[in-house]
């Protein structure tokens, strides 16, 4: 049980050094405490009583009493710690994800979209105190999941994200950004963030990305933009086969980095370029560090003092030793 205790005054354990000294002193003085008589034969005086042999028990009881008192002086106690957290500044985040056909390119493994889903899921799990929503866009945009604190819903929706031919026909960055702004404009959170990811250029939609970024600025929304795709050529889908599967060929990667940088700059965000799986992971890890939720933790300590038990234990043994000394062992003192 001793290893479950904490000791307020552990320096008193140095007093245990006195116990070996007491044992040495007792062994040295024991013979001098008993009177001796020299005789030619002790045959007629042999005493078969056990009491003289048990007399060292008195010294042992005193050692136990001293040990208990030393432990009591060290003040043992148990500590029960309970904690409660309070979120001071929550963050509302919308992840705007490009789901155009080019997101099936295989320059990231197994492809851009699946690589993103894996990294984004880890990011979501690492934001327990924030609300997160999902917006998907290609030729059009729509809300997959409104901002919510239920991470199981967001993760379930993210798992379902895939290329959707119903919204294909280009990359509407402006519409994806505008839809994300619409999800956050009424938010009461202390901080509002959009993480907009694309692997192409704005070539579709009815909303200019620059206008959408101005809307984000007006509503106090910060936008982090990510350009996804390797430098040079990438194995990308170019057309559909008769059976509905994609035919892949090497295509030049085109990302409107100038536009993405401008969106990030206008909204006080930051632009990133992810050219491989590792870089994509590092980007989300950096965003995770940049947007920290302030969480205050309160700890409550409940102390249960145990020294009283050792005091009573030690006094009990000391009194028992005195009782034996002045009763049972009195004739031998």
C-alpha atoms as a PDB file:
ATOM      1  CA  UNK A   1       0.000   0.000   0.000  1.00  0.00           C
ATOM      2  CA  UNK A   2       2.992   2.318   0.577  1.00  0.00           C
ATOM      3  CA  UNK A   3       3.589   2.827  -3.156  1.00  0.00           C
ATOM      4  CA  UNK A   4       0.104   4.375  -3.490  1.00  0.00           C
ATOM      5  CA  UNK A   5       0.978   7.144  -1.051  1.00  0.00           C
ATOM      6  CA  UNK A   6       2.678  10.441  -1.578  1.00  0.00           C
ATOM      7  CA  UNK A   7       4.785  11.803   1.295  1.00  0.00           C
ATOM      8  CA  UNK A   8       4.669  15.494   2.206  1.00  0.00           C
ATOM      9  CA  UNK A   9       7.859  15.348   4.314  1.00  0.00           C
ATOM     10  CA  UNK A  10       9.965  12.499   2.870  1.00  0.00           C
ATOM     11  CA  UNK A  11      13.115  13.913   4.493  1.00  0.00           C
ATOM     12  CA  UNK A  12      12.060  12.244   7.757  1.00  0.00           C
ATOM     13  CA  UNK A  13      12.854   8.861   6.209  1.00  0.00           C
ATOM     14  CA  UNK A  14      16.498   9.669   6.973  1.00  0.00           C
ATOM     15  CA  UNK A  15      15.632   8.827  10.588  1.00  0.00           C
ATOM     16  CA  UNK A  16      15.595   5.145   9.594  1.00  0.00           C
ATOM     17  CA  UNK A  17      19.391   5.366   9.749  1.00  0.00           C
ATOM     18  CA  UNK A  18      18.974   5.391  13.552  1.00  0.00           C
ATOM     19  CA  UNK A  19      17.442   1.904  13.581  1.00  0.00           C
ATOM     20  CA  UNK A  20      20.597  -0.030  12.547  1.00  0.00           C
ATOM     21  CA  UNK A  21      22.544   2.057  15.088  1.00  0.00           C
ATOM     22  CA  UNK A  22      20.012   1.114  17.753  1.00  0.00           C
ATOM     23  CA  UNK A  23      20.388  -2.575  16.852  1.00  0.00           C
ATOM     24  CA  UNK A  24      24.193  -2.352  17.145  1.00  0.00           C
ATOM     25  CA  UNK A  25      23.853  -0.530  20.477  1.00  0.00           C
ATOM     26  CA  UNK A  26      21.418  -3.161  21.788  1.00  0.00           C
ATOM     27  CA  UNK A  27      23.707  -6.033  20.785  1.00  0.00           C
ATOM     28  CA  UNK A  28      26.673  -4.319  22.440  1.00  0.00           C
ATOM     29  CA  UNK A  29      24.882  -3.470  25.695  1.00  0.00           C
ATOM     30  CA  UNK A  30      22.796  -6.607  26.066  1.00  0.00           C
ATOM     31  CA  UNK A  31      25.366  -8.644  27.977  1.00  0.00           C
ATOM     32  CA  UNK A  32      26.112  -5.784  30.352  1.00  0.00           C
ATOM     33  CA  UNK A  33      22.442  -5.450  31.264  1.00  0.00           C
ATOM     34  CA  UNK A  34      22.337  -8.940  32.817  1.00  0.00           C
ATOM     35  CA  UNK A  35      24.194  -9.737  36.048  1.00  0.00           C
ATOM     36  CA  UNK A  36      26.580 -12.702  35.856  1.00  0.00           C
ATOM     37  CA  UNK A  37      27.739 -15.183  38.489  1.00  0.00           C
ATOM     38  CA  UNK A  38      30.694 -17.531  37.944  1.00  0.00           C
ATOM     39  CA  UNK A  39      30.172 -21.076  39.195  1.00  0.00           C
ATOM     40  CA  UNK A  40      31.905 -24.398  38.573  1.00  0.00           C
ATOM     41  CA  UNK A  41      28.618 -25.969  37.425  1.00  0.00           C
ATOM     42  CA  UNK A  42      25.170 -24.600  36.448  1.00  0.00           C
ATOM     43  CA  UNK A  43      23.513 -27.992  36.297  1.00  0.00           C
ATOM     44  CA  UNK A  44      21.408 -27.365  39.336  1.00  0.00           C
ATOM     45  CA  UNK A  45      20.343 -23.916  38.143  1.00  0.00           C
ATOM     46  CA  UNK A  46      19.133 -24.714  34.669  1.00  0.00           C
ATOM     47  CA  UNK A  47      15.961 -22.731  33.867  1.00  0.00           C
ATOM     48  CA  UNK A  48      13.735 -24.180  31.171  1.00  0.00           C
ATOM     49  CA  UNK A  49      11.560 -21.035  30.996  1.00  0.00           C
ATOM     50  CA  UNK A  50      11.155 -19.340  27.553  1.00  0.00           C
ATOM     51  CA  UNK A  51      10.771 -15.839  28.977  1.00  0.00           C
ATOM     52  CA  UNK A  52      14.483 -14.979  29.089  1.00  0.00           C
ATOM     53  CA  UNK A  53      14.836 -16.047  25.463  1.00  0.00           C
ATOM     54  CA  UNK A  54      11.858 -13.937  24.415  1.00  0.00           C
ATOM     55  CA  UNK A  55      13.158 -10.782  26.056  1.00  0.00           C
ATOM     56  CA  UNK A  56      14.613  -9.419  22.727  1.00  0.00           C
ATOM     57  CA  UNK A  57      10.990  -9.244  21.597  1.00  0.00           C
ATOM     58  CA  UNK A  58      10.683  -6.065  23.666  1.00  0.00           C
ATOM     59  CA  UNK A  59      13.388  -4.393  21.634  1.00  0.00           C
ATOM     60  CA  UNK A  60      11.773  -5.585  18.382  1.00  0.00           C
ATOM     61  CA  UNK A  61       8.423  -4.063  19.421  1.00  0.00           C
ATOM     62  CA  UNK A  62      10.173  -0.770  20.127  1.00  0.00           C
ATOM     63  CA  UNK A  63      11.808  -0.820  16.682  1.00  0.00           C
ATOM     64  CA  UNK A  64       8.416  -1.378  15.027  1.00  0.00           C
ATOM     65  CA  UNK A  65       6.939   1.497  17.052  1.00  0.00           C
ATOM     66  CA  UNK A  66       9.812   3.791  16.022  1.00  0.00           C
ATOM     67  CA  UNK A  67       9.397   2.817  12.362  1.00  0.00           C
ATOM     68  CA  UNK A  68       5.691   3.618  12.427  1.00  0.00           C
ATOM     69  CA  UNK A  69       6.347   7.024  14.042  1.00  0.00           C
ATOM     70  CA  UNK A  70       8.967   7.855  11.377  1.00  0.00           C
ATOM     71  CA  UNK A  71       6.495   6.988   8.596  1.00  0.00           C
ATOM     72  CA  UNK A  72       3.871   9.160  10.319  1.00  0.00           C
ATOM     73  CA  UNK A  73       6.345  12.077  10.441  1.00  0.00           C
ATOM     74  CA  UNK A  74       6.822  11.728   6.673  1.00  0.00           C
ATOM     75  CA  UNK A  75       3.064  12.412   6.442  1.00  0.00           C
ATOM     76  CA  UNK A  76       1.733   9.824   4.005  1.00  0.00           C
ATOM     77  CA  UNK A  77      -1.465  10.592   2.113  1.00  0.00           C
ATOM     78  CA  UNK A  78      -3.386   9.547  -0.974  1.00  0.00           C
ATOM     79  CA  UNK A  79      -4.417  11.993  -3.679  1.00  0.00           C
ATOM     80  CA  UNK A  80      -7.541  11.769  -5.807  1.00  0.00           C
ATOM     81  CA  UNK A  81      -7.266  14.093  -8.829  1.00  0.00           C
ATOM     82  CA  UNK A  82     -10.278  15.017 -10.922  1.00  0.00           C
ATOM     83  CA  UNK A  83     -10.221  17.458 -13.808  1.00  0.00           C
ATOM     84  CA  UNK A  84     -12.668  19.519 -15.811  1.00  0.00           C
ATOM     85  CA  UNK A  85     -11.952  21.350 -19.042  1.00  0.00           C
ATOM     86  CA  UNK A  86     -13.525  24.515 -20.324  1.00  0.00           C
ATOM     87  CA  UNK A  87     -13.206  25.750 -23.888  1.00  0.00           C
ATOM     88  CA  UNK A  88     -12.578  29.485 -23.842  1.00  0.00           C
ATOM     89  CA  UNK A  89     -12.276  30.109 -27.562  1.00  0.00           C
ATOM     90  CA  UNK A  90     -13.903  27.613 -29.904  1.00  0.00           C
ATOM     91  CA  UNK A  91     -13.120  27.526 -33.621  1.00  0.00           C
ATOM     92  CA  UNK A  92     -15.610  26.800 -36.403  1.00  0.00           C
ATOM     93  CA  UNK A  93     -13.957  25.190 -39.419  1.00  0.00           C
ATOM     94  CA  UNK A  94     -15.313  24.380 -42.875  1.00  0.00           C
ATOM     95  CA  UNK A  95     -13.273  22.079 -45.092  1.00  0.00           C
ATOM     96  CA  UNK A  96     -14.001  22.873 -48.748  1.00  0.00           C
ATOM     97  CA  UNK A  97     -12.925  19.877 -50.847  1.00  0.00           C
ATOM     98  CA  UNK A  98     -12.556  19.713 -54.616  1.00  0.00           C
ATOM     99  CA  UNK A  99     -14.156  16.497 -55.916  1.00  0.00           C
ATOM    100  CA  UNK A 100     -13.630  17.043 -59.637  1.00  0.00           C
ATOM    101  CA  UNK A 101     -12.423  14.126 -61.772  1.00  0.00           C
ATOM    102  CA  UNK A 102      -8.822  15.368 -61.597  1.00  0.00           C
ATOM    103  CA  UNK A 103      -8.826  14.530 -57.859  1.00  0.00           C
ATOM    104  CA  UNK A 104      -8.532  10.887 -58.967  1.00  0.00           C
ATOM    105  CA  UNK A 105      -5.028  11.558 -60.323  1.00  0.00           C
ATOM    106  CA  UNK A 106      -2.452   9.117 -59.018  1.00  0.00           C
ATOM    107  CA  UNK A 107       0.473  11.428 -58.229  1.00  0.00           C
ATOM    108  CA  UNK A 108      -0.505  10.951 -54.579  1.00  0.00           C
ATOM    109  CA  UNK A 109      -1.159   7.439 -53.298  1.00  0.00           C
ATOM    110  CA  UNK A 110      -3.567   5.848 -53.938  1.00  0.00           C
ATOM    111  CA  UNK A 111      -4.979   9.029 -55.504  1.00  0.00           C
ATOM    112  CA  UNK A 112      -5.374  12.672 -54.516  1.00  0.00           C
ATOM    113  CA  UNK A 113      -8.867  12.339 -53.074  1.00  0.00           C
ATOM    114  CA  UNK A 114      -8.196   9.260 -50.950  1.00  0.00           C
ATOM    115  CA  UNK A 115      -4.913  10.717 -49.698  1.00  0.00           C
ATOM    116  CA  UNK A 116      -6.761  13.877 -48.673  1.00  0.00           C
ATOM    117  CA  UNK A 117      -9.518  11.936 -46.886  1.00  0.00           C
ATOM    118  CA  UNK A 118      -6.970  10.069 -44.775  1.00  0.00           C
ATOM    119  CA  UNK A 119      -5.134  13.233 -43.713  1.00  0.00           C
ATOM    120  CA  UNK A 120      -8.358  15.212 -43.182  1.00  0.00           C
ATOM    121  CA  UNK A 121      -9.763  12.466 -40.919  1.00  0.00           C
ATOM    122  CA  UNK A 122      -6.697  12.691 -38.688  1.00  0.00           C
ATOM    123  CA  UNK A 123      -7.063  16.479 -38.600  1.00  0.00           C
ATOM    124  CA  UNK A 124     -10.726  16.215 -37.557  1.00  0.00           C
ATOM    125  CA  UNK A 125      -9.941  13.752 -34.770  1.00  0.00           C
ATOM    126  CA  UNK A 126      -7.354  16.188 -33.441  1.00  0.00           C
ATOM    127  CA  UNK A 127      -9.930  18.999 -32.998  1.00  0.00           C
ATOM    128  CA  UNK A 128     -12.202  17.686 -30.191  1.00  0.00           C
ATOM    129  CA  UNK A 129     -13.229  21.155 -28.998  1.00  0.00           C
ATOM    130  CA  UNK A 130     -14.145  22.643 -32.392  1.00  0.00           C
ATOM    131  CA  UNK A 131     -17.101  22.480 -34.745  1.00  0.00           C
ATOM    132  CA  UNK A 132     -16.342  21.263 -38.276  1.00  0.00           C
ATOM    133  CA  UNK A 133     -18.347  21.160 -41.504  1.00  0.00           C
ATOM    134  CA  UNK A 134     -17.752  19.834 -45.031  1.00  0.00           C
ATOM    135  CA  UNK A 135     -18.406  21.577 -48.362  1.00  0.00           C
ATOM    136  CA  UNK A 136     -17.830  19.738 -51.650  1.00  0.00           C
ATOM    137  CA  UNK A 137     -17.439  21.366 -55.014  1.00  0.00           C
ATOM    138  CA  UNK A 138     -16.532  20.694 -58.638  1.00  0.00           C
ATOM    139  CA  UNK A 139     -18.615  22.373 -61.374  1.00  0.00           C
ATOM    140  CA  UNK A 140     -21.090  23.238 -58.599  1.00  0.00           C
ATOM    141  CA  UNK A 141     -20.904  23.227 -54.810  1.00  0.00           C
ATOM    142  CA  UNK A 142     -23.008  21.952 -51.927  1.00  0.00           C
ATOM    143  CA  UNK A 143     -22.835  21.412 -48.179  1.00  0.00           C
ATOM    144  CA  UNK A 144     -22.077  17.821 -47.284  1.00  0.00           C
ATOM    145  CA  UNK A 145     -22.178  18.413 -43.516  1.00  0.00           C
ATOM    146  CA  UNK A 146     -23.114  21.648 -41.672  1.00  0.00           C
ATOM    147  CA  UNK A 147     -20.718  22.693 -38.908  1.00  0.00           C
ATOM    148  CA  UNK A 148     -21.192  20.371 -35.954  1.00  0.00           C
ATOM    149  CA  UNK A 149     -19.347  19.321 -32.811  1.00  0.00           C
ATOM    150  CA  UNK A 150     -20.270  15.665 -33.436  1.00  0.00           C
ATOM    151  CA  UNK A 151     -17.066  14.334 -34.966  1.00  0.00           C
ATOM    152  CA  UNK A 152     -18.588  10.942 -35.738  1.00  0.00           C
ATOM    153  CA  UNK A 153     -20.995  12.621 -38.174  1.00  0.00           C
ATOM    154  CA  UNK A 154     -18.216  14.594 -39.861  1.00  0.00           C
ATOM    155  CA  UNK A 155     -15.945  11.554 -40.122  1.00  0.00           C
ATOM    156  CA  UNK A 156     -18.804   9.459 -41.496  1.00  0.00           C
ATOM    157  CA  UNK A 157     -19.543  12.100 -44.138  1.00  0.00           C
ATOM    158  CA  UNK A 158     -15.868  12.404 -45.029  1.00  0.00           C
ATOM    159  CA  UNK A 159     -15.652   8.661 -45.539  1.00  0.00           C
ATOM    160  CA  UNK A 160     -18.507   8.894 -48.059  1.00  0.00           C
ATOM    161  CA  UNK A 161     -16.815  11.631 -50.110  1.00  0.00           C
ATOM    162  CA  UNK A 162     -16.054  10.492 -53.678  1.00  0.00           C
ATOM    163  CA  UNK A 163     -16.037  11.739 -57.240  1.00  0.00           C
ATOM    164  CA  UNK A 164     -19.571  12.756 -58.163  1.00  0.00           C
ATOM    165  CA  UNK A 165     -20.410  13.032 -61.855  1.00  0.00           C
ATOM    166  CA  UNK A 166     -23.531  15.031 -60.967  1.00  0.00           C
ATOM    167  CA  UNK A 167     -21.437  18.061 -59.996  1.00  0.00           C
ATOM    168  CA  UNK A 168     -18.654  17.487 -62.511  1.00  0.00           C
ATOM    169  CA  UNK A 169     -17.856  19.768 -65.421  1.00  0.00           C
ATOM    170  CA  UNK A 170     -15.042  21.914 -64.077  1.00  0.00           C
ATOM    171  CA  UNK A 171     -13.735  23.449 -60.874  1.00  0.00           C
ATOM    172  CA  UNK A 172     -15.819  26.224 -59.328  1.00  0.00           C
ATOM    173  CA  UNK A 173     -13.450  27.546 -56.675  1.00  0.00           C
ATOM    174  CA  UNK A 174     -15.530  30.692 -56.225  1.00  0.00           C
ATOM    175  CA  UNK A 175     -18.707  28.730 -55.552  1.00  0.00           C
ATOM    176  CA  UNK A 176     -16.968  26.339 -53.188  1.00  0.00           C
ATOM    177  CA  UNK A 177     -15.593  29.267 -51.226  1.00  0.00           C
ATOM    178  CA  UNK A 178     -18.916  31.156 -51.252  1.00  0.00           C
ATOM    179  CA  UNK A 179     -20.820  28.110 -49.981  1.00  0.00           C
ATOM    180  CA  UNK A 180     -18.279  27.723 -47.167  1.00  0.00           C
ATOM    181  CA  UNK A 181     -18.653  31.398 -46.245  1.00  0.00           C
ATOM    182  CA  UNK A 182     -22.423  30.943 -46.151  1.00  0.00           C
ATOM    183  CA  UNK A 183     -22.006  28.117 -43.623  1.00  0.00           C
ATOM    184  CA  UNK A 184     -19.880  30.308 -41.321  1.00  0.00           C
ATOM    185  CA  UNK A 185     -21.313  33.816 -41.696  1.00  0.00           C
ATOM    186  CA  UNK A 186     -23.763  33.437 -38.793  1.00  0.00           C
ATOM    187  CA  UNK A 187     -21.300  31.613 -36.542  1.00  0.00           C
ATOM    188  CA  UNK A 188     -20.755  33.062 -33.063  1.00  0.00           C
ATOM    189  CA  UNK A 189     -17.376  31.381 -32.681  1.00  0.00           C
ATOM    190  CA  UNK A 190     -14.356  33.444 -31.689  1.00  0.00           C
ATOM    191  CA  UNK A 191     -12.525  32.248 -34.802  1.00  0.00           C
ATOM    192  CA  UNK A 192     -13.887  31.114 -38.185  1.00  0.00           C
ATOM    193  CA  UNK A 193     -11.705  29.218 -40.650  1.00  0.00           C
ATOM    194  CA  UNK A 194     -12.070  27.738 -44.140  1.00  0.00           C
ATOM    195  CA  UNK A 195      -9.580  25.182 -45.444  1.00  0.00           C
ATOM    196  CA  UNK A 196     -10.044  25.260 -49.226  1.00  0.00           C
ATOM    197  CA  UNK A 197      -8.330  22.556 -51.253  1.00  0.00           C
ATOM    198  CA  UNK A 198      -8.175  22.269 -55.029  1.00  0.00           C
ATOM    199  CA  UNK A 199      -5.984  20.662 -57.679  1.00  0.00           C
ATOM    200  CA  UNK A 200      -6.960  22.902 -60.603  1.00  0.00           C
ATOM    201  CA  UNK A 201      -7.989  26.336 -61.783  1.00  0.00           C
ATOM    202  CA  UNK A 202     -11.272  28.174 -61.473  1.00  0.00           C
ATOM    203  CA  UNK A 203     -13.023  27.382 -64.762  1.00  0.00           C
ATOM    204  CA  UNK A 204     -16.649  27.020 -63.755  1.00  0.00           C
ATOM    205  CA  UNK A 205     -19.372  28.479 -61.575  1.00  0.00           C
ATOM    206  CA  UNK A 206     -21.175  31.807 -61.383  1.00  0.00           C
ATOM    207  CA  UNK A 207     -19.247  33.389 -58.494  1.00  0.00           C
ATOM    208  CA  UNK A 208     -15.870  35.042 -58.913  1.00  0.00           C
ATOM    209  CA  UNK A 209     -13.364  33.670 -56.338  1.00  0.00           C
ATOM    210  CA  UNK A 210     -12.180  37.215 -55.602  1.00  0.00           C
ATOM    211  CA  UNK A 211     -15.720  38.268 -54.680  1.00  0.00           C
ATOM    212  CA  UNK A 212     -16.056  35.168 -52.494  1.00  0.00           C
ATOM    213  CA  UNK A 213     -12.798  36.030 -50.717  1.00  0.00           C
ATOM    214  CA  UNK A 214     -14.091  39.573 -50.080  1.00  0.00           C
ATOM    215  CA  UNK A 215     -17.205  38.041 -48.520  1.00  0.00           C
ATOM    216  CA  UNK A 216     -14.993  35.917 -46.277  1.00  0.00           C
ATOM    217  CA  UNK A 217     -13.082  39.026 -45.224  1.00  0.00           C
ATOM    218  CA  UNK A 218     -16.294  40.915 -44.423  1.00  0.00           C
ATOM    219  CA  UNK A 219     -17.482  38.110 -42.155  1.00  0.00           C
ATOM    220  CA  UNK A 220     -14.112  37.781 -40.413  1.00  0.00           C
ATOM    221  CA  UNK A 221     -13.344  34.377 -41.913  1.00  0.00           C
ATOM    222  CA  UNK A 222      -9.752  33.279 -42.460  1.00  0.00           C
ATOM    223  CA  UNK A 223      -9.060  31.072 -45.490  1.00  0.00           C
ATOM    224  CA  UNK A 224      -6.196  28.591 -45.753  1.00  0.00           C
ATOM    225  CA  UNK A 225      -5.760  27.460 -49.366  1.00  0.00           C
ATOM    226  CA  UNK A 226      -4.056  24.256 -50.485  1.00  0.00           C
ATOM    227  CA  UNK A 227      -2.923  23.484 -54.028  1.00  0.00           C
ATOM    228  CA  UNK A 228      -2.843  19.710 -54.411  1.00  0.00           C
ATOM    229  CA  UNK A 229      -0.737  18.000 -57.062  1.00  0.00           C
ATOM    230  CA  UNK A 230       2.826  17.245 -58.022  1.00  0.00           C
ATOM    231  CA  UNK A 231       4.966  19.504 -60.164  1.00  0.00           C
ATOM    232  CA  UNK A 232       5.013  18.582 -63.867  1.00  0.00           C
ATOM    233  CA  UNK A 233       2.977  15.668 -65.191  1.00  0.00           C
ATOM    234  CA  UNK A 234       0.541  13.402 -63.355  1.00  0.00           C
ATOM    235  CA  UNK A 235      -1.351  10.246 -64.290  1.00  0.00           C
ATOM    236  CA  UNK A 236      -4.875  11.661 -64.456  1.00  0.00           C
ATOM    237  CA  UNK A 237      -8.308  10.609 -65.797  1.00  0.00           C
ATOM    238  CA  UNK A 238      -8.837  11.924 -69.324  1.00  0.00           C
ATOM    239  CA  UNK A 239     -12.091  10.283 -70.429  1.00  0.00           C
ATOM    240  CA  UNK A 240     -14.647   7.626 -69.585  1.00  0.00           C
ATOM    241  CA  UNK A 241     -14.602   4.199 -71.132  1.00  0.00           C
ATOM    242  CA  UNK A 242     -17.764   2.520 -72.385  1.00  0.00           C
ATOM    243  CA  UNK A 243     -17.982   0.525 -69.147  1.00  0.00           C
ATOM    244  CA  UNK A 244     -18.001   3.732 -67.062  1.00  0.00           C
ATOM    245  CA  UNK A 245     -14.395   3.471 -65.809  1.00  0.00           C
ATOM    246  CA  UNK A 246     -11.804   6.182 -66.376  1.00  0.00           C
ATOM    247  CA  UNK A 247      -8.999   6.056 -68.889  1.00  0.00           C
ATOM    248  CA  UNK A 248      -5.815   7.520 -67.403  1.00  0.00           C
ATOM    249  CA  UNK A 249      -3.016   9.333 -69.166  1.00  0.00           C
ATOM    250  CA  UNK A 250      -0.184  11.681 -68.176  1.00  0.00           C
ATOM    251  CA  UNK A 251      -1.474  15.247 -67.992  1.00  0.00           C
ATOM    252  CA  UNK A 252       0.254  18.480 -67.012  1.00  0.00           C
ATOM    253  CA  UNK A 253      -0.669  19.629 -63.524  1.00  0.00           C
ATOM    254  CA  UNK A 254      -2.245  23.099 -63.602  1.00  0.00           C
ATOM    255  CA  UNK A 255      -2.998  24.863 -60.326  1.00  0.00           C
ATOM    256  CA  UNK A 256      -3.908  28.538 -60.152  1.00  0.00           C
ATOM    257  CA  UNK A 257      -1.444  29.295 -57.370  1.00  0.00           C
ATOM    258  CA  UNK A 258      -1.706  33.027 -57.943  1.00  0.00           C
ATOM    259  CA  UNK A 259      -5.436  32.954 -57.212  1.00  0.00           C
ATOM    260  CA  UNK A 260      -5.030  30.713 -54.150  1.00  0.00           C
ATOM    261  CA  UNK A 261      -2.299  32.942 -52.759  1.00  0.00           C
ATOM    262  CA  UNK A 262      -4.469  36.013 -53.267  1.00  0.00           C
ATOM    263  CA  UNK A 263      -7.459  34.438 -51.496  1.00  0.00           C
ATOM    264  CA  UNK A 264      -5.255  33.519 -48.530  1.00  0.00           C
ATOM    265  CA  UNK A 265      -3.642  36.959 -48.411  1.00  0.00           C
ATOM    266  CA  UNK A 266      -6.948  38.879 -48.536  1.00  0.00           C
ATOM    267  CA  UNK A 267      -8.377  36.863 -45.629  1.00  0.00           C
ATOM    268  CA  UNK A 268      -5.147  36.819 -43.542  1.00  0.00           C
ATOM    269  CA  UNK A 269      -4.753  33.106 -44.195  1.00  0.00           C
ATOM    270  CA  UNK A 270      -1.903  31.179 -45.773  1.00  0.00           C
ATOM    271  CA  UNK A 271      -1.289  29.261 -49.011  1.00  0.00           C
ATOM    272  CA  UNK A 272       0.260  25.790 -49.100  1.00  0.00           C
ATOM    273  CA  UNK A 273       1.354  23.494 -51.913  1.00  0.00           C
ATOM    274  CA  UNK A 274       1.071  19.736 -51.395  1.00  0.00           C
ATOM    275  CA  UNK A 275       3.092  17.807 -53.963  1.00  0.00           C
ATOM    276  CA  UNK A 276       3.024  14.424 -52.198  1.00  0.00           C
ATOM    277  CA  UNK A 277       1.392  12.528 -49.340  1.00  0.00           C
ATOM    278  CA  UNK A 278       3.986  13.564 -46.753  1.00  0.00           C
ATOM    279  CA  UNK A 279       3.738  17.230 -47.673  1.00  0.00           C
ATOM    280  CA  UNK A 280      -0.054  17.079 -47.404  1.00  0.00           C
ATOM    281  CA  UNK A 281       0.228  15.642 -43.888  1.00  0.00           C
ATOM    282  CA  UNK A 282       2.693  18.366 -42.897  1.00  0.00           C
ATOM    283  CA  UNK A 283       0.354  21.077 -44.200  1.00  0.00           C
ATOM    284  CA  UNK A 284      -2.605  19.922 -42.125  1.00  0.00           C
ATOM    285  CA  UNK A 285      -0.326  19.529 -39.106  1.00  0.00           C
ATOM    286  CA  UNK A 286       0.837  23.130 -39.552  1.00  0.00           C
ATOM    287  CA  UNK A 287      -2.730  24.421 -39.875  1.00  0.00           C
ATOM    288  CA  UNK A 288      -3.568  22.473 -36.738  1.00  0.00           C
ATOM    289  CA  UNK A 289      -0.802  24.359 -34.904  1.00  0.00           C
ATOM    290  CA  UNK A 290      -1.764  27.735 -36.361  1.00  0.00           C
ATOM    291  CA  UNK A 291      -5.381  27.438 -35.283  1.00  0.00           C
ATOM    292  CA  UNK A 292      -5.255  26.435 -31.635  1.00  0.00           C
ATOM    293  CA  UNK A 293      -8.367  26.322 -29.481  1.00  0.00           C
ATOM    294  CA  UNK A 294      -7.844  27.781 -26.004  1.00  0.00           C
ATOM    295  CA  UNK A 295      -8.817  25.146 -23.473  1.00  0.00           C
ATOM    296  CA  UNK A 296      -8.647  25.833 -19.737  1.00  0.00           C
ATOM    297  CA  UNK A 297      -8.226  22.830 -17.476  1.00  0.00           C
ATOM    298  CA  UNK A 298      -9.306  22.845 -13.836  1.00  0.00           C
ATOM    299  CA  UNK A 299      -7.851  20.213 -11.524  1.00  0.00           C
ATOM    300  CA  UNK A 300      -9.367  19.300  -8.170  1.00  0.00           C
ATOM    301  CA  UNK A 301      -7.238  17.556  -5.534  1.00  0.00           C
ATOM    302  CA  UNK A 302      -8.763  15.522  -2.711  1.00  0.00           C
ATOM    303  CA  UNK A 303      -6.208  14.533  -0.057  1.00  0.00           C
ATOM    304  CA  UNK A 304      -6.755  11.681   2.399  1.00  0.00           C
ATOM    305  CA  UNK A 305      -4.217  11.907   5.233  1.00  0.00           C
ATOM    306  CA  UNK A 306      -2.885   8.536   6.441  1.00  0.00           C
ATOM    307  CA  UNK A 307      -0.395   9.585   9.134  1.00  0.00           C
ATOM    308  CA  UNK A 308      -2.943   9.115  11.959  1.00  0.00           C
ATOM    309  CA  UNK A 309      -3.010   5.366  11.351  1.00  0.00           C
ATOM    310  CA  UNK A 310       0.780   5.121  11.684  1.00  0.00           C
ATOM    311  CA  UNK A 311       0.788   7.283  14.825  1.00  0.00           C
ATOM    312  CA  UNK A 312      -1.793   5.036  16.499  1.00  0.00           C
ATOM    313  CA  UNK A 313      -0.006   1.928  15.240  1.00  0.00           C
ATOM    314  CA  UNK A 314       3.325   3.117  16.642  1.00  0.00           C
ATOM    315  CA  UNK A 315       1.865   4.190  20.002  1.00  0.00           C
ATOM    316  CA  UNK A 316       0.034   0.876  20.258  1.00  0.00           C
ATOM    317  CA  UNK A 317       3.260  -1.102  19.853  1.00  0.00           C
ATOM    318  CA  UNK A 318       5.089   1.202  22.261  1.00  0.00           C
ATOM    319  CA  UNK A 319       2.438   0.780  24.938  1.00  0.00           C
ATOM    320  CA  UNK A 320       2.372  -2.966  24.358  1.00  0.00           C
ATOM    321  CA  UNK A 321       6.146  -3.077  24.822  1.00  0.00           C
ATOM    322  CA  UNK A 322       5.867  -1.137  28.103  1.00  0.00           C
ATOM    323  CA  UNK A 323       3.089  -3.425  29.323  1.00  0.00           C
ATOM    324  CA  UNK A 324       5.197  -6.525  28.709  1.00  0.00           C
ATOM    325  CA  UNK A 325       8.285  -4.916  30.234  1.00  0.00           C
ATOM    326  CA  UNK A 326       6.564  -4.090  33.546  1.00  0.00           C
ATOM    327  CA  UNK A 327       4.459  -7.255  33.803  1.00  0.00           C
ATOM    328  CA  UNK A 328       5.574 -10.468  32.099  1.00  0.00           C
ATOM    329  CA  UNK A 329       9.248  -9.540  31.831  1.00  0.00           C
ATOM    330  CA  UNK A 330       9.508  -7.523  35.031  1.00  0.00           C
ATOM    331  CA  UNK A 331      11.547 -10.167  36.973  1.00  0.00           C
ATOM    332  CA  UNK A 332      14.142 -10.219  34.210  1.00  0.00           C
ATOM    333  CA  UNK A 333      14.815  -6.482  34.016  1.00  0.00           C
END
